[in-house]
Amino acid sequence: MSITIPPAGEYAIDTDRSAVTFTTRHVFGLGGVRGSFAIASGRLTVAEPVEESTVAAAIDAGSFRTGSNARDGVVRSKRYLETEKFPEIRFASTGLGEQDGEWVLDGTLTVKDSTQPVRLTVDEVAAEAGVITAGAHVRIDRYAFGVTAQKGMTGRHLDLALEITATPA
């Protein structure tokens, strides 16, 4: 883990160079599923002190991809994400700090019409030539967001990895 505190300022997430990937299980935990979401927009404010920094991002719910068109269509449907009614998954930070030797980013995640607290573990942050790159991970319980279709057949938890690139806004 390498954390470099970036210079204070406003940064926009570069949606072409940023992504959310995930792994989960299906068929009663026997099969693995990998996939991704695209980040639609986002902003980082690096403050002094750094603990007062903020992050806000919108994920394009309709960008859900696993490589199976049939599965992807079902997950985007009313049974799971209802992407026509809820086109974005939103994250807003509520705090940043060190805990037990790791940097954590607390915030809220809104999926459909449910907002729940989440804690991301920051894996890396680098700043070079005005560009910030960062990585973080978090485990999400889809049941907490009311996404409960096909219990057992579809994994309850998603392990998310975020790779973010941001440039001065």
C-alpha atoms as a PDB file:
ATOM      1  CA  MET A   1       0.000   0.000   0.000  1.00  0.00           C
ATOM      2  CA  SER A   2       1.397   3.347  -1.054  1.00  0.00           C
ATOM      3  CA  ILE A   3      -0.335   6.564  -0.076  1.00  0.00           C
ATOM      4  CA  THR A   4       0.898   9.909  -1.363  1.00  0.00           C
ATOM      5  CA  ILE A   5      -1.172  12.897  -0.248  1.00  0.00           C
ATOM      6  CA  PRO A   6      -2.037  14.907  -3.381  1.00  0.00           C
ATOM      7  CA  PRO A   7      -1.851  18.707  -3.532  1.00  0.00           C
ATOM      8  CA  ALA A   8      -4.953  20.470  -2.206  1.00  0.00           C
ATOM      9  CA  GLY A   9      -7.488  21.396  -4.854  1.00  0.00           C
ATOM     10  CA  GLU A  10     -10.491  20.386  -6.914  1.00  0.00           C
ATOM     11  CA  TYR A  11     -10.228  17.372  -9.211  1.00  0.00           C
ATOM     12  CA  ALA A  12     -12.636  15.812 -11.702  1.00  0.00           C
ATOM     13  CA  ILE A  13     -12.743  12.041 -12.090  1.00  0.00           C
ATOM     14  CA  ASP A  14     -11.629  11.055 -15.591  1.00  0.00           C
ATOM     15  CA  THR A  15     -14.464   8.690 -16.509  1.00  0.00           C
ATOM     16  CA  ASP A  16     -12.513   7.187 -19.426  1.00  0.00           C
ATOM     17  CA  ARG A  17      -9.648   6.111 -17.154  1.00  0.00           C
ATOM     18  CA  SER A  18     -11.661   5.116 -14.071  1.00  0.00           C
ATOM     19  CA  ALA A  19     -13.807   2.075 -13.319  1.00  0.00           C
ATOM     20  CA  VAL A  20     -15.515  -0.025 -10.690  1.00  0.00           C
ATOM     21  CA  THR A  21     -14.934  -3.758 -11.013  1.00  0.00           C
ATOM     22  CA  PHE A  22     -16.492  -6.467  -8.898  1.00  0.00           C
ATOM     23  CA  THR A  23     -16.477 -10.126  -8.081  1.00  0.00           C
ATOM     24  CA  THR A  24     -19.352 -12.129  -6.644  1.00  0.00           C
ATOM     25  CA  ARG A  25     -20.611 -15.718  -6.500  1.00  0.00           C
ATOM     26  CA  HIS A  26     -23.651 -17.411  -8.040  1.00  0.00           C
ATOM     27  CA  VAL A  27     -25.325 -20.838  -8.155  1.00  0.00           C
ATOM     28  CA  PHE A  28     -25.230 -21.282  -4.376  1.00  0.00           C
ATOM     29  CA  GLY A  29     -21.671 -19.950  -4.199  1.00  0.00           C
ATOM     30  CA  LEU A  30     -20.205 -22.465  -6.650  1.00  0.00           C
ATOM     31  CA  GLY A  31     -19.502 -20.121  -9.551  1.00  0.00           C
ATOM     32  CA  GLY A  32     -17.553 -16.908  -9.715  1.00  0.00           C
ATOM     33  CA  VAL A  33     -18.734 -13.832 -11.577  1.00  0.00           C
ATOM     34  CA  ARG A  34     -16.584 -10.841 -12.534  1.00  0.00           C
ATOM     35  CA  GLY A  35     -17.898  -7.617 -13.934  1.00  0.00           C
ATOM     36  CA  SER A  36     -17.722  -3.859 -14.064  1.00  0.00           C
ATOM     37  CA  PHE A  37     -19.575  -0.588 -13.935  1.00  0.00           C
ATOM     38  CA  ALA A  38     -18.578   2.684 -15.607  1.00  0.00           C
ATOM     39  CA  ILE A  39     -18.218   5.852 -13.577  1.00  0.00           C
ATOM     40  CA  ALA A  40     -20.508   8.532 -15.026  1.00  0.00           C
ATOM     41  CA  SER A  41     -19.064  11.522 -13.147  1.00  0.00           C
ATOM     42  CA  GLY A  42     -17.242  12.440  -9.992  1.00  0.00           C
ATOM     43  CA  ARG A  43     -15.299  15.023  -8.088  1.00  0.00           C
ATOM     44  CA  LEU A  44     -12.544  14.972  -5.467  1.00  0.00           C
ATOM     45  CA  THR A  45     -11.779  17.880  -3.210  1.00  0.00           C
ATOM     46  CA  VAL A  46      -8.396  17.478  -1.552  1.00  0.00           C
ATOM     47  CA  ALA A  47      -8.364  19.683   1.537  1.00  0.00           C
ATOM     48  CA  GLU A  48      -5.870  20.758   4.172  1.00  0.00           C
ATOM     49  CA  PRO A  49      -5.921  18.934   6.440  1.00  0.00           C
ATOM     50  CA  VAL A  50      -6.415  15.950   4.144  1.00  0.00           C
ATOM     51  CA  GLU A  51      -8.977  14.429   6.554  1.00  0.00           C
ATOM     52  CA  GLU A  52     -11.423  17.141   5.432  1.00  0.00           C
ATOM     53  CA  SER A  53     -11.245  15.995   1.798  1.00  0.00           C
ATOM     54  CA  THR A  54     -14.433  14.889   0.042  1.00  0.00           C
ATOM     55  CA  VAL A  55     -15.420  12.586  -2.795  1.00  0.00           C
ATOM     56  CA  ALA A  56     -18.668  12.371  -4.743  1.00  0.00           C
ATOM     57  CA  ALA A  57     -19.284  10.035  -7.653  1.00  0.00           C
ATOM     58  CA  ALA A  58     -22.075   8.709  -9.829  1.00  0.00           C
ATOM     59  CA  ILE A  59     -21.868   5.220 -11.319  1.00  0.00           C
ATOM     60  CA  ASP A  60     -23.824   4.440 -14.484  1.00  0.00           C
ATOM     61  CA  ALA A  61     -26.079   1.592 -13.272  1.00  0.00           C
ATOM     62  CA  GLY A  62     -26.922   0.660 -16.863  1.00  0.00           C
ATOM     63  CA  SER A  63     -23.249   0.002 -17.583  1.00  0.00           C
ATOM     64  CA  PHE A  64     -23.373  -3.224 -15.510  1.00  0.00           C
ATOM     65  CA  ARG A  65     -21.378  -5.821 -17.505  1.00  0.00           C
ATOM     66  CA  THR A  66     -20.337  -9.401 -16.751  1.00  0.00           C
ATOM     67  CA  GLY A  67     -19.864 -10.765 -20.270  1.00  0.00           C
ATOM     68  CA  SER A  68     -23.257 -12.510 -20.263  1.00  0.00           C
ATOM     69  CA  ASN A  69     -25.867 -10.443 -22.112  1.00  0.00           C
ATOM     70  CA  ALA A  70     -28.711 -12.473 -20.595  1.00  0.00           C
ATOM     71  CA  ARG A  71     -27.461 -12.030 -17.006  1.00  0.00           C
ATOM     72  CA  ASP A  72     -26.632  -8.361 -17.571  1.00  0.00           C
ATOM     73  CA  GLY A  73     -30.147  -7.681 -18.869  1.00  0.00           C
ATOM     74  CA  VAL A  74     -31.730  -9.368 -15.841  1.00  0.00           C
ATOM     75  CA  VAL A  75     -29.547  -7.401 -13.404  1.00  0.00           C
ATOM     76  CA  ARG A  76     -30.436  -4.121 -15.140  1.00  0.00           C
ATOM     77  CA  SER A  77     -34.163  -5.045 -15.029  1.00  0.00           C
ATOM     78  CA  LYS A  78     -36.792  -4.360 -12.337  1.00  0.00           C
ATOM     79  CA  ARG A  79     -35.754  -7.567 -10.546  1.00  0.00           C
ATOM     80  CA  TYR A  80     -32.420  -6.045  -9.496  1.00  0.00           C
ATOM     81  CA  LEU A  81     -31.188  -2.524 -10.303  1.00  0.00           C
ATOM     82  CA  GLU A  82     -34.152  -1.013 -12.200  1.00  0.00           C
ATOM     83  CA  THR A  83     -31.751   1.048 -14.284  1.00  0.00           C
ATOM     84  CA  GLU A  84     -34.504   2.761 -16.290  1.00  0.00           C
ATOM     85  CA  LYS A  85     -35.975   4.214 -13.084  1.00  0.00           C
ATOM     86  CA  PHE A  86     -32.656   4.536 -11.186  1.00  0.00           C
ATOM     87  CA  PRO A  87     -29.934   5.247 -13.777  1.00  0.00           C
ATOM     88  CA  GLU A  88     -27.221   6.095 -11.240  1.00  0.00           C
ATOM     89  CA  ILE A  89     -25.646   4.583  -8.165  1.00  0.00           C
ATOM     90  CA  ARG A  90     -24.316   7.450  -6.049  1.00  0.00           C
ATOM     91  CA  PHE A  91     -21.482   7.707  -3.527  1.00  0.00           C
ATOM     92  CA  ALA A  92     -20.833  10.678  -1.229  1.00  0.00           C
ATOM     93  CA  SER A  93     -18.035  10.664   1.318  1.00  0.00           C
ATOM     94  CA  THR A  94     -18.661  11.567   4.944  1.00  0.00           C
ATOM     95  CA  GLY A  95     -15.145  11.203   6.356  1.00  0.00           C
ATOM     96  CA  LEU A  96     -11.555  10.244   5.640  1.00  0.00           C
ATOM     97  CA  GLY A  97      -8.963   9.096   8.121  1.00  0.00           C
ATOM     98  CA  GLU A  98      -6.424   6.569   9.269  1.00  0.00           C
ATOM     99  CA  GLN A  99      -7.614   3.602  11.256  1.00  0.00           C
ATOM    100  CA  ASP A 100      -5.443   0.710  12.410  1.00  0.00           C
ATOM    101  CA  GLY A 101      -2.691   1.704   9.980  1.00  0.00           C
ATOM    102  CA  GLU A 102      -5.005   1.951   6.959  1.00  0.00           C
ATOM    103  CA  TRP A 103      -6.706   4.881   5.281  1.00  0.00           C
ATOM    104  CA  VAL A 104     -10.483   4.545   5.152  1.00  0.00           C
ATOM    105  CA  LEU A 105     -13.071   6.596   3.311  1.00  0.00           C
ATOM    106  CA  ASP A 106     -16.497   6.577   4.929  1.00  0.00           C
ATOM    107  CA  GLY A 107     -19.541   7.567   2.947  1.00  0.00           C
ATOM    108  CA  THR A 108     -23.020   6.737   1.801  1.00  0.00           C
ATOM    109  CA  LEU A 109     -23.937   4.623  -1.183  1.00  0.00           C
ATOM    110  CA  THR A 110     -27.335   5.030  -2.814  1.00  0.00           C
ATOM    111  CA  VAL A 111     -28.623   2.114  -4.874  1.00  0.00           C
ATOM    112  CA  LYS A 112     -32.129   2.517  -6.251  1.00  0.00           C
ATOM    113  CA  ASP A 113     -33.939   4.362  -3.427  1.00  0.00           C
ATOM    114  CA  SER A 114     -31.868   2.986  -0.542  1.00  0.00           C
ATOM    115  CA  THR A 115     -28.949   4.848   1.026  1.00  0.00           C
ATOM    116  CA  GLN A 116     -26.601   2.964   3.339  1.00  0.00           C
ATOM    117  CA  PRO A 117     -23.270   3.751   5.008  1.00  0.00           C
ATOM    118  CA  VAL A 118     -20.153   2.172   3.493  1.00  0.00           C
ATOM    119  CA  ARG A 119     -16.468   2.145   4.419  1.00  0.00           C
ATOM    120  CA  LEU A 120     -13.901   1.871   1.658  1.00  0.00           C
ATOM    121  CA  THR A 121     -10.333   0.833   2.374  1.00  0.00           C
ATOM    122  CA  VAL A 122      -7.911   3.006   0.406  1.00  0.00           C
ATOM    123  CA  ASP A 123      -5.277   0.783  -1.196  1.00  0.00           C
ATOM    124  CA  GLU A 124      -3.155   3.370  -2.958  1.00  0.00           C
ATOM    125  CA  VAL A 125      -2.972   7.041  -3.849  1.00  0.00           C
ATOM    126  CA  ALA A 126      -0.408   8.651  -6.126  1.00  0.00           C
ATOM    127  CA  ALA A 127      -0.080  12.170  -7.443  1.00  0.00           C
ATOM    128  CA  GLU A 128       2.122  13.005 -10.387  1.00  0.00           C
ATOM    129  CA  ALA A 129       2.079  15.976 -12.759  1.00  0.00           C
ATOM    130  CA  GLY A 130      -1.309  17.130 -11.437  1.00  0.00           C
ATOM    131  CA  VAL A 131      -2.965  13.736 -11.944  1.00  0.00           C
ATOM    132  CA  ILE A 132      -4.255  11.688  -9.019  1.00  0.00           C
ATOM    133  CA  THR A 133      -4.589   7.925  -9.245  1.00  0.00           C
ATOM    134  CA  ALA A 134      -6.237   6.029  -6.424  1.00  0.00           C
ATOM    135  CA  GLY A 135      -7.478   2.553  -5.660  1.00  0.00           C
ATOM    136  CA  ALA A 136      -9.867   1.349  -2.967  1.00  0.00           C
ATOM    137  CA  HIS A 137     -12.008  -1.668  -2.156  1.00  0.00           C
ATOM    138  CA  VAL A 138     -15.207  -2.453  -0.265  1.00  0.00           C
ATOM    139  CA  ARG A 139     -17.608  -5.355   0.234  1.00  0.00           C
ATOM    140  CA  ILE A 140     -21.272  -4.515  -0.410  1.00  0.00           C
ATOM    141  CA  ASP A 141     -24.261  -6.496   0.867  1.00  0.00           C
ATOM    142  CA  ARG A 142     -26.902  -6.124  -1.842  1.00  0.00           C
ATOM    143  CA  TYR A 143     -29.660  -7.149   0.589  1.00  0.00           C
ATOM    144  CA  ALA A 144     -28.969  -3.968   2.607  1.00  0.00           C
ATOM    145  CA  PHE A 145     -30.062  -1.996  -0.472  1.00  0.00           C
ATOM    146  CA  GLY A 146     -33.248  -3.999  -1.024  1.00  0.00           C
ATOM    147  CA  VAL A 147     -31.787  -5.929  -3.960  1.00  0.00           C
ATOM    148  CA  THR A 148     -32.903  -9.387  -2.845  1.00  0.00           C
ATOM    149  CA  ALA A 149     -33.942 -11.255  -6.015  1.00  0.00           C
ATOM    150  CA  GLN A 150     -32.913 -14.900  -6.398  1.00  0.00           C
ATOM    151  CA  LYS A 151     -31.481 -15.473  -2.941  1.00  0.00           C
ATOM    152  CA  GLY A 152     -29.004 -18.323  -3.098  1.00  0.00           C
ATOM    153  CA  MET A 153     -28.753 -18.343  -6.870  1.00  0.00           C
ATOM    154  CA  THR A 154     -27.227 -14.875  -6.967  1.00  0.00           C
ATOM    155  CA  GLY A 155     -24.425 -13.810  -4.638  1.00  0.00           C
ATOM    156  CA  ARG A 156     -25.405 -11.661  -1.697  1.00  0.00           C
ATOM    157  CA  HIS A 157     -22.086  -9.798  -1.510  1.00  0.00           C
ATOM    158  CA  LEU A 158     -20.148  -7.945  -4.157  1.00  0.00           C
ATOM    159  CA  ASP A 159     -16.471  -7.224  -3.632  1.00  0.00           C
ATOM    160  CA  LEU A 160     -15.863  -3.914  -5.381  1.00  0.00           C
ATOM    161  CA  ALA A 161     -12.513  -2.519  -6.492  1.00  0.00           C
ATOM    162  CA  LEU A 162     -12.282   1.096  -7.556  1.00  0.00           C
ATOM    163  CA  GLU A 163      -9.542   2.474  -9.790  1.00  0.00           C
ATOM    164  CA  ILE A 164      -9.809   6.245 -10.089  1.00  0.00           C
ATOM    165  CA  THR A 165      -7.893   8.772 -12.154  1.00  0.00           C
ATOM    166  CA  ALA A 166      -8.625  12.456 -11.523  1.00  0.00           C
ATOM    167  CA  THR A 167      -7.318  15.659 -13.080  1.00  0.00           C
ATOM    168  CA  PRO A 168      -7.544  19.278 -11.929  1.00  0.00           C
ATOM    169  CA  ALA A 169     -11.081  20.625 -12.341  1.00  0.00           C
END
